[in-house]
C-alpha cells in the first residue's frame, strides 16, 4: 500500500519512520505527539474500557493506551499489514513502542482485502505472598485488523469508549475521505454515549485552514469539539481535536480539564502542560471560511495541498 522507510542515526540513537516520504515520527520527540493524543481523552472520558485505534500502525498510540489497567479491550485498525508486522517485529520499532505487539500472532488473510492481523491477550504476573505461587491475571484483549478504516466502520458492530483517529494528513483523495462528515458520522454511531474521540488534525500554524476545516467537519457530524495543540520539534506546532456526543456537557468536560490527573507514567505530558495546550494565539482559531469536507465536496484536499504548496 505504501513505501515504508526506517532510518537510524546511531550517534544520537535517533529513529525516524517515513511513509511515502512523509515523516511519521522521530524517536527523540514522538512522546510530544503520542502522549497528548492519548492521555487527555483517556482521563476525561467517564469510561475507557474499550478502545478503538484507527491508524497508528507503528504501535506508539497503542503503547500509551496499554498503560491503563482499566482498558480491557483494544482494537487497532490499520490498512497496511506490512506496517503492523514491522512494528511488531523490528527491534528498532519494538524498542520504541515497548513491545506493544509482543507475543502477537499473525493470522491468515481473511479475504476482501482485509486481514485479522495480530491477536493476543495481555496478562499481569502476580506472586502470592502466602503460597509463593505465580498467577496470571488477564488485563486486555488486543487485536489488529488490516483493513480500510472507512470499510471497517461501515460493517463494525458494538461501541467503543475511546476512538483514536491517528491517520496521515489528508494529502490524497484516499486519505481525505477519512476526514469527511460521512466518516465522522460512522464513528459517532460506534462511540458510546459518554465516549470521546480524538483526531490528529495537522498543524494549526503551518496548515491553519486545514486544521479549522477538520474541526468544522467534525462538528458537522454532530460532535462537540475542543481543539488543542503542542510543539513537536520534528513537525512544528501540531494540533488535535477532542470530540464527544453533545449529551456530555461542555461544562463537565471543562471541569474535568481543570482537575485532570494522569495516573500512568508519562515522559512529557502533565496536567499543566495539557491545560497550556488549550491556549491558542490571537485569531488562530478564526477563519472567513465556513465550508466542511464531504465526499461530494472534498474541499480539505485542495486546502491542504494549497497550504503545502505555499510551504514548499
C-alpha atoms as a PDB file:
ATOM      1  CA  UNK A   1       0.000   0.000   0.000  1.00  0.00           C
ATOM      2  CA  UNK A   2       2.853   2.381   0.703  1.00  0.00           C
ATOM      3  CA  UNK A   3       6.598   2.814   0.783  1.00  0.00           C
ATOM      4  CA  UNK A   4       7.945   2.355   4.325  1.00  0.00           C
ATOM      5  CA  UNK A   5      11.371   3.749   5.243  1.00  0.00           C
ATOM      6  CA  UNK A   6      13.050   3.455   8.624  1.00  0.00           C
ATOM      7  CA  UNK A   7      16.212   5.441   9.381  1.00  0.00           C
ATOM      8  CA  UNK A   8      18.568   5.130  12.328  1.00  0.00           C
ATOM      9  CA  UNK A   9      21.097   7.848  13.177  1.00  0.00           C
ATOM     10  CA  UNK A  10      23.380   5.917  15.512  1.00  0.00           C
ATOM     11  CA  UNK A  11      25.320   8.836  17.110  1.00  0.00           C
ATOM     12  CA  UNK A  12      22.039  10.047  18.663  1.00  0.00           C
ATOM     13  CA  UNK A  13      20.230   6.684  18.515  1.00  0.00           C
ATOM     14  CA  UNK A  14      17.525   8.556  16.617  1.00  0.00           C
ATOM     15  CA  UNK A  15      14.941   6.528  14.677  1.00  0.00           C
ATOM     16  CA  UNK A  16      12.608   8.055  12.088  1.00  0.00           C
ATOM     17  CA  UNK A  17       9.704   6.428  10.264  1.00  0.00           C
ATOM     18  CA  UNK A  18       8.638   7.655   6.816  1.00  0.00           C
ATOM     19  CA  UNK A  19       5.557   6.595   4.845  1.00  0.00           C
ATOM     20  CA  UNK A  20       5.654   7.558   1.175  1.00  0.00           C
ATOM     21  CA  UNK A  21       8.414  10.015   2.015  1.00  0.00           C
ATOM     22  CA  UNK A  22       6.418  11.748   4.766  1.00  0.00           C
ATOM     23  CA  UNK A  23       7.803  11.741   8.309  1.00  0.00           C
ATOM     24  CA  UNK A  24       5.528   9.888  10.753  1.00  0.00           C
ATOM     25  CA  UNK A  25       7.604  10.166  13.909  1.00  0.00           C
ATOM     26  CA  UNK A  26      11.063  10.824  15.277  1.00  0.00           C
ATOM     27  CA  UNK A  27      12.030   8.816  18.351  1.00  0.00           C
ATOM     28  CA  UNK A  28      13.565  11.799  20.154  1.00  0.00           C
ATOM     29  CA  UNK A  29      10.270  13.724  20.370  1.00  0.00           C
ATOM     30  CA  UNK A  30       7.445  11.302  19.459  1.00  0.00           C
ATOM     31  CA  UNK A  31       6.190  11.399  23.067  1.00  0.00           C
ATOM     32  CA  UNK A  32       5.224  15.041  22.493  1.00  0.00           C
ATOM     33  CA  UNK A  33       2.855  13.788  19.795  1.00  0.00           C
ATOM     34  CA  UNK A  34       1.523  10.472  21.126  1.00  0.00           C
ATOM     35  CA  UNK A  35       1.023  11.421  24.783  1.00  0.00           C
ATOM     36  CA  UNK A  36      -1.220  14.460  24.086  1.00  0.00           C
ATOM     37  CA  UNK A  37      -3.150  12.406  21.551  1.00  0.00           C
ATOM     38  CA  UNK A  38      -3.942   9.602  24.009  1.00  0.00           C
ATOM     39  CA  UNK A  39      -3.915  10.705  27.648  1.00  0.00           C
ATOM     40  CA  UNK A  40      -6.397  13.633  27.734  1.00  0.00           C
ATOM     41  CA  UNK A  41      -9.163  11.506  26.179  1.00  0.00           C
ATOM     42  CA  UNK A  42      -8.311   8.522  28.376  1.00  0.00           C
ATOM     43  CA  UNK A  43      -8.687  10.662  31.502  1.00  0.00           C
ATOM     44  CA  UNK A  44     -11.632  12.880  30.526  1.00  0.00           C
ATOM     45  CA  UNK A  45     -13.934  10.089  29.354  1.00  0.00           C
ATOM     46  CA  UNK A  46     -16.065   8.576  32.162  1.00  0.00           C
ATOM     47  CA  UNK A  47     -15.296   5.076  30.846  1.00  0.00           C
ATOM     48  CA  UNK A  48     -12.267   3.782  28.947  1.00  0.00           C
ATOM     49  CA  UNK A  49     -12.506   0.001  28.932  1.00  0.00           C
ATOM     50  CA  UNK A  50     -12.930  -0.469  25.147  1.00  0.00           C
ATOM     51  CA  UNK A  51     -10.574   1.448  22.855  1.00  0.00           C
ATOM     52  CA  UNK A  52     -10.506   1.650  19.056  1.00  0.00           C
ATOM     53  CA  UNK A  53      -7.419   2.985  17.269  1.00  0.00           C
ATOM     54  CA  UNK A  54      -7.847   3.877  13.598  1.00  0.00           C
ATOM     55  CA  UNK A  55      -4.393   4.077  12.037  1.00  0.00           C
ATOM     56  CA  UNK A  56      -1.433   4.123  14.402  1.00  0.00           C
ATOM     57  CA  UNK A  57       0.228   1.103  12.834  1.00  0.00           C
ATOM     58  CA  UNK A  58       3.580   1.969  14.444  1.00  0.00           C
ATOM     59  CA  UNK A  59       2.161   0.919  17.839  1.00  0.00           C
ATOM     60  CA  UNK A  60       3.069   4.122  19.706  1.00  0.00           C
ATOM     61  CA  UNK A  61      -0.511   5.153  20.462  1.00  0.00           C
ATOM     62  CA  UNK A  62      -1.208   1.540  21.436  1.00  0.00           C
ATOM     63  CA  UNK A  63       1.756   1.706  23.829  1.00  0.00           C
ATOM     64  CA  UNK A  64       0.185   4.661  25.638  1.00  0.00           C
ATOM     65  CA  UNK A  65      -3.306   3.121  25.756  1.00  0.00           C
ATOM     66  CA  UNK A  66      -1.992  -0.097  27.301  1.00  0.00           C
ATOM     67  CA  UNK A  67      -0.619   1.801  30.285  1.00  0.00           C
ATOM     68  CA  UNK A  68      -4.160   1.895  31.738  1.00  0.00           C
ATOM     69  CA  UNK A  69      -5.297  -1.086  33.789  1.00  0.00           C
ATOM     70  CA  UNK A  70      -8.948  -0.187  33.161  1.00  0.00           C
ATOM     71  CA  UNK A  71      -8.530  -0.889  29.433  1.00  0.00           C
ATOM     72  CA  UNK A  72      -9.951  -4.355  28.781  1.00  0.00           C
ATOM     73  CA  UNK A  73     -10.104  -4.442  25.001  1.00  0.00           C
ATOM     74  CA  UNK A  74      -8.159  -2.680  22.245  1.00  0.00           C
ATOM     75  CA  UNK A  75      -8.781  -2.951  18.515  1.00  0.00           C
ATOM     76  CA  UNK A  76      -6.268  -1.353  16.148  1.00  0.00           C
ATOM     77  CA  UNK A  77      -7.367  -0.937  12.525  1.00  0.00           C
ATOM     78  CA  UNK A  78      -4.584  -0.149  10.049  1.00  0.00           C
ATOM     79  CA  UNK A  79      -4.706  -0.669   6.301  1.00  0.00           C
ATOM     80  CA  UNK A  80      -1.184  -1.969   5.755  1.00  0.00           C
ATOM     81  CA  UNK A  81      -0.335  -5.423   7.193  1.00  0.00           C
ATOM     82  CA  UNK A  82       3.359  -4.829   6.484  1.00  0.00           C
ATOM     83  CA  UNK A  83       3.334  -1.770   8.745  1.00  0.00           C
ATOM     84  CA  UNK A  84       1.837  -3.591  11.721  1.00  0.00           C
ATOM     85  CA  UNK A  85       4.077  -6.596  11.090  1.00  0.00           C
ATOM     86  CA  UNK A  86       7.155  -4.353  11.012  1.00  0.00           C
ATOM     87  CA  UNK A  87       6.075  -2.578  14.200  1.00  0.00           C
ATOM     88  CA  UNK A  88       5.621  -5.943  15.908  1.00  0.00           C
ATOM     89  CA  UNK A  89       8.963  -7.428  14.884  1.00  0.00           C
ATOM     90  CA  UNK A  90      11.625  -4.838  14.024  1.00  0.00           C
ATOM     91  CA  UNK A  91      13.909  -4.268  17.041  1.00  0.00           C
ATOM     92  CA  UNK A  92      14.139  -0.509  16.448  1.00  0.00           C
ATOM     93  CA  UNK A  93      10.349  -0.165  16.451  1.00  0.00           C
ATOM     94  CA  UNK A  94       9.636  -2.618  19.261  1.00  0.00           C
ATOM     95  CA  UNK A  95      12.084  -0.670  21.445  1.00  0.00           C
ATOM     96  CA  UNK A  96      10.064   2.496  20.778  1.00  0.00           C
ATOM     97  CA  UNK A  97       6.563   1.029  21.119  1.00  0.00           C
ATOM     98  CA  UNK A  98       7.725  -1.018  24.134  1.00  0.00           C
ATOM     99  CA  UNK A  99       6.653  -4.292  22.547  1.00  0.00           C
ATOM    100  CA  UNK A 100       3.029  -3.203  22.230  1.00  0.00           C
ATOM    101  CA  UNK A 101       2.567  -6.182  19.878  1.00  0.00           C
ATOM    102  CA  UNK A 102       4.691  -8.595  21.946  1.00  0.00           C
ATOM    103  CA  UNK A 103       3.767 -12.278  21.790  1.00  0.00           C
ATOM    104  CA  UNK A 104       1.458 -11.363  18.942  1.00  0.00           C
ATOM    105  CA  UNK A 105       0.292 -13.932  16.386  1.00  0.00           C
ATOM    106  CA  UNK A 106      -0.268 -13.119  12.727  1.00  0.00           C
ATOM    107  CA  UNK A 107      -3.258 -14.926  11.276  1.00  0.00           C
ATOM    108  CA  UNK A 108      -4.130 -15.716   7.670  1.00  0.00           C
ATOM    109  CA  UNK A 109      -5.628 -13.232   5.209  1.00  0.00           C
ATOM    110  CA  UNK A 110      -9.403 -13.145   5.647  1.00  0.00           C
ATOM    111  CA  UNK A 111     -10.204 -12.041   2.089  1.00  0.00           C
ATOM    112  CA  UNK A 112     -11.751  -8.905   0.574  1.00  0.00           C
ATOM    113  CA  UNK A 113      -8.530  -7.045   1.207  1.00  0.00           C
ATOM    114  CA  UNK A 114      -8.711  -7.380   4.967  1.00  0.00           C
ATOM    115  CA  UNK A 115      -6.762  -9.427   7.474  1.00  0.00           C
ATOM    116  CA  UNK A 116      -7.440 -10.285  11.090  1.00  0.00           C
ATOM    117  CA  UNK A 117      -3.803  -9.386  11.692  1.00  0.00           C
ATOM    118  CA  UNK A 118      -2.457  -9.606  15.234  1.00  0.00           C
ATOM    119  CA  UNK A 119      -4.411 -11.069  18.118  1.00  0.00           C
ATOM    120  CA  UNK A 120      -3.160 -11.534  21.636  1.00  0.00           C
ATOM    121  CA  UNK A 121      -4.236 -11.371  25.269  1.00  0.00           C
ATOM    122  CA  UNK A 122      -2.233  -9.420  27.850  1.00  0.00           C
ATOM    123  CA  UNK A 123      -1.551 -10.834  31.308  1.00  0.00           C
ATOM    124  CA  UNK A 124      -0.044  -9.497  34.518  1.00  0.00           C
ATOM    125  CA  UNK A 125       2.090 -11.891  36.557  1.00  0.00           C
ATOM    126  CA  UNK A 126       1.442 -11.800  40.321  1.00  0.00           C
ATOM    127  CA  UNK A 127       3.124 -13.805  43.093  1.00  0.00           C
ATOM    128  CA  UNK A 128       1.132 -14.804  46.178  1.00  0.00           C
ATOM    129  CA  UNK A 129       2.775 -13.802  49.465  1.00  0.00           C
ATOM    130  CA  UNK A 130       1.129 -16.777  51.204  1.00  0.00           C
ATOM    131  CA  UNK A 131       1.925 -19.597  48.796  1.00  0.00           C
ATOM    132  CA  UNK A 132       4.735 -18.092  46.694  1.00  0.00           C
ATOM    133  CA  UNK A 133       2.949 -19.210  43.523  1.00  0.00           C
ATOM    134  CA  UNK A 134       2.633 -17.054  40.421  1.00  0.00           C
ATOM    135  CA  UNK A 135      -0.768 -16.363  38.891  1.00  0.00           C
ATOM    136  CA  UNK A 136      -1.705 -14.656  35.632  1.00  0.00           C
ATOM    137  CA  UNK A 137      -4.439 -12.009  35.628  1.00  0.00           C
ATOM    138  CA  UNK A 138      -5.898 -11.062  32.221  1.00  0.00           C
ATOM    139  CA  UNK A 139      -5.514  -7.334  31.528  1.00  0.00           C
ATOM    140  CA  UNK A 140      -6.610  -6.638  27.981  1.00  0.00           C
ATOM    141  CA  UNK A 141      -7.623  -8.209  24.714  1.00  0.00           C
ATOM    142  CA  UNK A 142      -5.630  -6.751  21.809  1.00  0.00           C
ATOM    143  CA  UNK A 143      -6.494  -7.284  18.142  1.00  0.00           C
ATOM    144  CA  UNK A 144      -5.189  -5.781  14.926  1.00  0.00           C
ATOM    145  CA  UNK A 145      -7.203  -5.715  11.712  1.00  0.00           C
ATOM    146  CA  UNK A 146      -5.620  -4.723   8.401  1.00  0.00           C
ATOM    147  CA  UNK A 147      -8.486  -3.126   6.528  1.00  0.00           C
ATOM    148  CA  UNK A 148      -9.508   0.315   5.314  1.00  0.00           C
ATOM    149  CA  UNK A 149     -10.902   2.233   8.303  1.00  0.00           C
ATOM    150  CA  UNK A 150     -13.911   3.502   6.363  1.00  0.00           C
ATOM    151  CA  UNK A 151     -14.817  -0.006   5.243  1.00  0.00           C
ATOM    152  CA  UNK A 152     -14.352  -1.273   8.790  1.00  0.00           C
ATOM    153  CA  UNK A 153     -16.698   1.331  10.269  1.00  0.00           C
ATOM    154  CA  UNK A 154     -19.349   0.525   7.657  1.00  0.00           C
ATOM    155  CA  UNK A 155     -19.523  -3.043   8.977  1.00  0.00           C
ATOM    156  CA  UNK A 156     -18.481  -2.654  12.623  1.00  0.00           C
ATOM    157  CA  UNK A 157     -20.769  -3.681  15.472  1.00  0.00           C
ATOM    158  CA  UNK A 158     -20.794  -2.568  19.093  1.00  0.00           C
ATOM    159  CA  UNK A 159     -19.485   0.567  20.785  1.00  0.00           C
ATOM    160  CA  UNK A 160     -16.141   1.911  21.985  1.00  0.00           C
ATOM    161  CA  UNK A 161     -15.465   4.273  24.888  1.00  0.00           C
ATOM    162  CA  UNK A 162     -12.413   5.850  23.237  1.00  0.00           C
ATOM    163  CA  UNK A 163     -11.800   6.166  19.497  1.00  0.00           C
ATOM    164  CA  UNK A 164      -8.377   7.480  18.451  1.00  0.00           C
ATOM    165  CA  UNK A 165      -8.068   8.585  14.807  1.00  0.00           C
ATOM    166  CA  UNK A 166      -4.343   8.651  14.032  1.00  0.00           C
ATOM    167  CA  UNK A 167      -4.374   8.964  10.244  1.00  0.00           C
ATOM    168  CA  UNK A 168      -1.785  10.552   7.940  1.00  0.00           C
ATOM    169  CA  UNK A 169      -2.542  14.059   6.741  1.00  0.00           C
ATOM    170  CA  UNK A 170      -5.270  14.462   4.060  1.00  0.00           C
ATOM    171  CA  UNK A 171      -2.827  14.796   1.154  1.00  0.00           C
ATOM    172  CA  UNK A 172      -4.549  12.337  -1.231  1.00  0.00           C
ATOM    173  CA  UNK A 173      -8.192  11.558  -2.127  1.00  0.00           C
ATOM    174  CA  UNK A 174      -7.904   8.211  -0.310  1.00  0.00           C
ATOM    175  CA  UNK A 175      -6.796   9.948   2.904  1.00  0.00           C
ATOM    176  CA  UNK A 176      -9.087  12.972   2.567  1.00  0.00           C
ATOM    177  CA  UNK A 177     -12.154  10.697   2.698  1.00  0.00           C
ATOM    178  CA  UNK A 178     -11.086   9.779   6.248  1.00  0.00           C
ATOM    179  CA  UNK A 179     -11.669  13.404   7.250  1.00  0.00           C
ATOM    180  CA  UNK A 180     -15.209  13.790   5.884  1.00  0.00           C
ATOM    181  CA  UNK A 181     -18.544  14.396   7.577  1.00  0.00           C
ATOM    182  CA  UNK A 182     -19.640  10.933   6.441  1.00  0.00           C
ATOM    183  CA  UNK A 183     -16.608   9.287   8.076  1.00  0.00           C
ATOM    184  CA  UNK A 184     -17.140  11.080  11.385  1.00  0.00           C
ATOM    185  CA  UNK A 185     -20.828  10.138  11.356  1.00  0.00           C
ATOM    186  CA  UNK A 186     -19.809   6.492  11.096  1.00  0.00           C
ATOM    187  CA  UNK A 187     -17.538   6.979  14.097  1.00  0.00           C
ATOM    188  CA  UNK A 188     -20.353   8.677  16.032  1.00  0.00           C
ATOM    189  CA  UNK A 189     -22.543   5.595  15.578  1.00  0.00           C
ATOM    190  CA  UNK A 190     -19.833   3.440  17.153  1.00  0.00           C
ATOM    191  CA  UNK A 191     -18.865   5.817  20.002  1.00  0.00           C
ATOM    192  CA  UNK A 192     -20.578   5.169  23.333  1.00  0.00           C
ATOM    193  CA  UNK A 193     -22.824   7.984  24.552  1.00  0.00           C
ATOM    194  CA  UNK A 194     -20.250   9.046  27.160  1.00  0.00           C
ATOM    195  CA  UNK A 195     -17.252   8.248  24.957  1.00  0.00           C
ATOM    196  CA  UNK A 196     -14.591  10.503  23.472  1.00  0.00           C
ATOM    197  CA  UNK A 197     -12.926  10.684  20.075  1.00  0.00           C
ATOM    198  CA  UNK A 198      -9.554  12.294  19.387  1.00  0.00           C
ATOM    199  CA  UNK A 199      -8.420  13.222  15.866  1.00  0.00           C
ATOM    200  CA  UNK A 200      -4.947  14.241  14.721  1.00  0.00           C
ATOM    201  CA  UNK A 201      -5.650  17.361  12.697  1.00  0.00           C
ATOM    202  CA  UNK A 202      -2.403  18.629  11.092  1.00  0.00           C
ATOM    203  CA  UNK A 203      -0.706  21.867  12.124  1.00  0.00           C
ATOM    204  CA  UNK A 204      -2.796  24.856  13.260  1.00  0.00           C
ATOM    205  CA  UNK A 205       0.193  27.059  12.366  1.00  0.00           C
ATOM    206  CA  UNK A 206       1.572  25.579   9.133  1.00  0.00           C
ATOM    207  CA  UNK A 207      -1.841  24.430   7.842  1.00  0.00           C
ATOM    208  CA  UNK A 208      -4.278  26.643   9.728  1.00  0.00           C
ATOM    209  CA  UNK A 209      -7.177  26.420   7.265  1.00  0.00           C
ATOM    210  CA  UNK A 210      -6.847  22.628   7.096  1.00  0.00           C
ATOM    211  CA  UNK A 211      -6.901  22.413  10.890  1.00  0.00           C
ATOM    212  CA  UNK A 212     -10.005  24.595  11.137  1.00  0.00           C
ATOM    213  CA  UNK A 213     -11.753  22.748   8.294  1.00  0.00           C
ATOM    214  CA  UNK A 214     -11.246  19.456  10.133  1.00  0.00           C
ATOM    215  CA  UNK A 215     -12.809  20.969  13.254  1.00  0.00           C
ATOM    216  CA  UNK A 216     -15.826  22.293  11.339  1.00  0.00           C
ATOM    217  CA  UNK A 217     -16.253  18.913   9.661  1.00  0.00           C
ATOM    218  CA  UNK A 218     -16.214  17.045  12.982  1.00  0.00           C
ATOM    219  CA  UNK A 219     -18.854  19.430  14.340  1.00  0.00           C
ATOM    220  CA  UNK A 220     -20.967  18.978  11.187  1.00  0.00           C
ATOM    221  CA  UNK A 221     -21.234  15.290  12.120  1.00  0.00           C
ATOM    222  CA  UNK A 222     -22.926  16.247  15.405  1.00  0.00           C
ATOM    223  CA  UNK A 223     -19.945  16.336  17.787  1.00  0.00           C
ATOM    224  CA  UNK A 224     -18.904  18.927  20.329  1.00  0.00           C
ATOM    225  CA  UNK A 225     -15.186  19.686  19.990  1.00  0.00           C
ATOM    226  CA  UNK A 226     -12.211  21.007  21.916  1.00  0.00           C
ATOM    227  CA  UNK A 227      -9.085  21.928  19.913  1.00  0.00           C
ATOM    228  CA  UNK A 228      -5.584  21.780  21.394  1.00  0.00           C
ATOM    229  CA  UNK A 229      -2.010  21.829  20.144  1.00  0.00           C
ATOM    230  CA  UNK A 230       1.616  21.230  21.081  1.00  0.00           C
ATOM    231  CA  UNK A 231       5.033  21.964  19.640  1.00  0.00           C
ATOM    232  CA  UNK A 232       6.627  18.796  18.272  1.00  0.00           C
ATOM    233  CA  UNK A 233      10.119  19.809  17.081  1.00  0.00           C
ATOM    234  CA  UNK A 234      10.150  17.316  14.191  1.00  0.00           C
ATOM    235  CA  UNK A 235       6.830  18.647  12.851  1.00  0.00           C
ATOM    236  CA  UNK A 236       6.329  22.103  14.342  1.00  0.00           C
ATOM    237  CA  UNK A 237       3.115  23.215  16.039  1.00  0.00           C
ATOM    238  CA  UNK A 238       0.706  20.250  15.856  1.00  0.00           C
ATOM    239  CA  UNK A 239      -2.982  20.001  16.639  1.00  0.00           C
ATOM    240  CA  UNK A 240      -5.750  17.617  17.661  1.00  0.00           C
ATOM    241  CA  UNK A 241      -9.462  17.741  18.365  1.00  0.00           C
ATOM    242  CA  UNK A 242     -11.227  16.092  21.270  1.00  0.00           C
ATOM    243  CA  UNK A 243     -14.827  15.312  20.314  1.00  0.00           C
ATOM    244  CA  UNK A 244     -17.835  13.906  22.153  1.00  0.00           C
ATOM    245  CA  UNK A 245     -21.611  13.499  21.955  1.00  0.00           C
ATOM    246  CA  UNK A 246     -23.475  16.687  22.975  1.00  0.00           C
ATOM    247  CA  UNK A 247     -25.131  14.584  25.704  1.00  0.00           C
ATOM    248  CA  UNK A 248     -21.847  15.028  27.589  1.00  0.00           C
ATOM    249  CA  UNK A 249     -21.910  18.697  28.562  1.00  0.00           C
ATOM    250  CA  UNK A 250     -19.037  21.042  27.731  1.00  0.00           C
ATOM    251  CA  UNK A 251     -19.143  22.355  31.301  1.00  0.00           C
ATOM    252  CA  UNK A 252     -18.448  18.857  32.613  1.00  0.00           C
ATOM    253  CA  UNK A 253     -15.571  18.421  30.166  1.00  0.00           C
ATOM    254  CA  UNK A 254     -14.011  21.764  31.107  1.00  0.00           C
ATOM    255  CA  UNK A 255     -14.365  20.950  34.803  1.00  0.00           C
ATOM    256  CA  UNK A 256     -12.522  17.720  34.076  1.00  0.00           C
ATOM    257  CA  UNK A 257      -9.796  19.666  32.261  1.00  0.00           C
ATOM    258  CA  UNK A 258      -9.163  21.806  35.350  1.00  0.00           C
ATOM    259  CA  UNK A 259      -8.897  18.778  37.659  1.00  0.00           C
ATOM    260  CA  UNK A 260      -7.292  16.286  35.277  1.00  0.00           C
ATOM    261  CA  UNK A 261      -4.594  13.960  36.573  1.00  0.00           C
ATOM    262  CA  UNK A 262      -2.512  11.425  34.679  1.00  0.00           C
ATOM    263  CA  UNK A 263      -2.174   8.346  36.847  1.00  0.00           C
ATOM    264  CA  UNK A 264       0.159   6.483  34.477  1.00  0.00           C
ATOM    265  CA  UNK A 265       3.859   7.074  33.693  1.00  0.00           C
ATOM    266  CA  UNK A 266       4.461   9.761  31.052  1.00  0.00           C
ATOM    267  CA  UNK A 267       7.623  11.280  29.617  1.00  0.00           C
ATOM    268  CA  UNK A 268       6.236  14.676  28.644  1.00  0.00           C
ATOM    269  CA  UNK A 269       2.615  15.496  29.351  1.00  0.00           C
ATOM    270  CA  UNK A 270       1.416  16.780  32.738  1.00  0.00           C
ATOM    271  CA  UNK A 271      -1.917  18.339  33.761  1.00  0.00           C
ATOM    272  CA  UNK A 272      -0.380  21.819  33.451  1.00  0.00           C
ATOM    273  CA  UNK A 273       1.051  21.012  30.008  1.00  0.00           C
ATOM    274  CA  UNK A 274      -2.346  19.840  28.741  1.00  0.00           C
ATOM    275  CA  UNK A 275      -4.090  22.937  30.084  1.00  0.00           C
ATOM    276  CA  UNK A 276      -1.494  25.061  28.265  1.00  0.00           C
ATOM    277  CA  UNK A 277      -2.174  23.131  25.049  1.00  0.00           C
ATOM    278  CA  UNK A 278      -5.725  24.516  25.027  1.00  0.00           C
ATOM    279  CA  UNK A 279      -4.438  28.082  24.605  1.00  0.00           C
ATOM    280  CA  UNK A 280      -4.185  29.487  21.065  1.00  0.00           C
ATOM    281  CA  UNK A 281      -2.835  32.804  19.868  1.00  0.00           C
ATOM    282  CA  UNK A 282      -4.950  35.714  18.690  1.00  0.00           C
ATOM    283  CA  UNK A 283      -7.076  34.851  15.604  1.00  0.00           C
ATOM    284  CA  UNK A 284      -5.504  31.385  15.371  1.00  0.00           C
ATOM    285  CA  UNK A 285      -8.948  29.766  15.575  1.00  0.00           C
ATOM    286  CA  UNK A 286     -10.756  32.267  13.359  1.00  0.00           C
ATOM    287  CA  UNK A 287     -11.360  31.990   9.608  1.00  0.00           C
ATOM    288  CA  UNK A 288     -13.526  33.504   6.883  1.00  0.00           C
ATOM    289  CA  UNK A 289     -14.216  30.019   5.534  1.00  0.00           C
ATOM    290  CA  UNK A 290     -17.269  28.031   6.602  1.00  0.00           C
ATOM    291  CA  UNK A 291     -17.090  25.001   4.296  1.00  0.00           C
ATOM    292  CA  UNK A 292     -16.798  21.427   5.543  1.00  0.00           C
ATOM    293  CA  UNK A 293     -15.178  18.388   3.957  1.00  0.00           C
ATOM    294  CA  UNK A 294     -17.588  15.860   2.416  1.00  0.00           C
ATOM    295  CA  UNK A 295     -17.332  13.018  -0.075  1.00  0.00           C
ATOM    296  CA  UNK A 296     -19.091  15.087  -2.744  1.00  0.00           C
ATOM    297  CA  UNK A 297     -17.192  18.269  -1.892  1.00  0.00           C
ATOM    298  CA  UNK A 298     -13.669  17.221  -0.746  1.00  0.00           C
ATOM    299  CA  UNK A 299     -12.562  20.767  -0.084  1.00  0.00           C
ATOM    300  CA  UNK A 300      -9.988  19.721   2.527  1.00  0.00           C
ATOM    301  CA  UNK A 301      -7.826  18.058  -0.119  1.00  0.00           C
ATOM    302  CA  UNK A 302      -7.405  21.294  -2.072  1.00  0.00           C
ATOM    303  CA  UNK A 303      -6.954  23.384   1.098  1.00  0.00           C
ATOM    304  CA  UNK A 304      -4.270  21.087   2.470  1.00  0.00           C
ATOM    305  CA  UNK A 305      -2.365  20.736  -0.804  1.00  0.00           C
ATOM    306  CA  UNK A 306      -2.519  24.501  -1.365  1.00  0.00           C
ATOM    307  CA  UNK A 307      -1.043  25.148   2.069  1.00  0.00           C
ATOM    308  CA  UNK A 308       1.621  22.502   1.442  1.00  0.00           C
ATOM    309  CA  UNK A 309       2.496  24.216  -1.841  1.00  0.00           C
ATOM    310  CA  UNK A 310       2.850  27.570  -0.097  1.00  0.00           C
ATOM    311  CA  UNK A 311       5.296  25.994   2.380  1.00  0.00           C
ATOM    312  CA  UNK A 312       7.351  24.444  -0.403  1.00  0.00           C
END
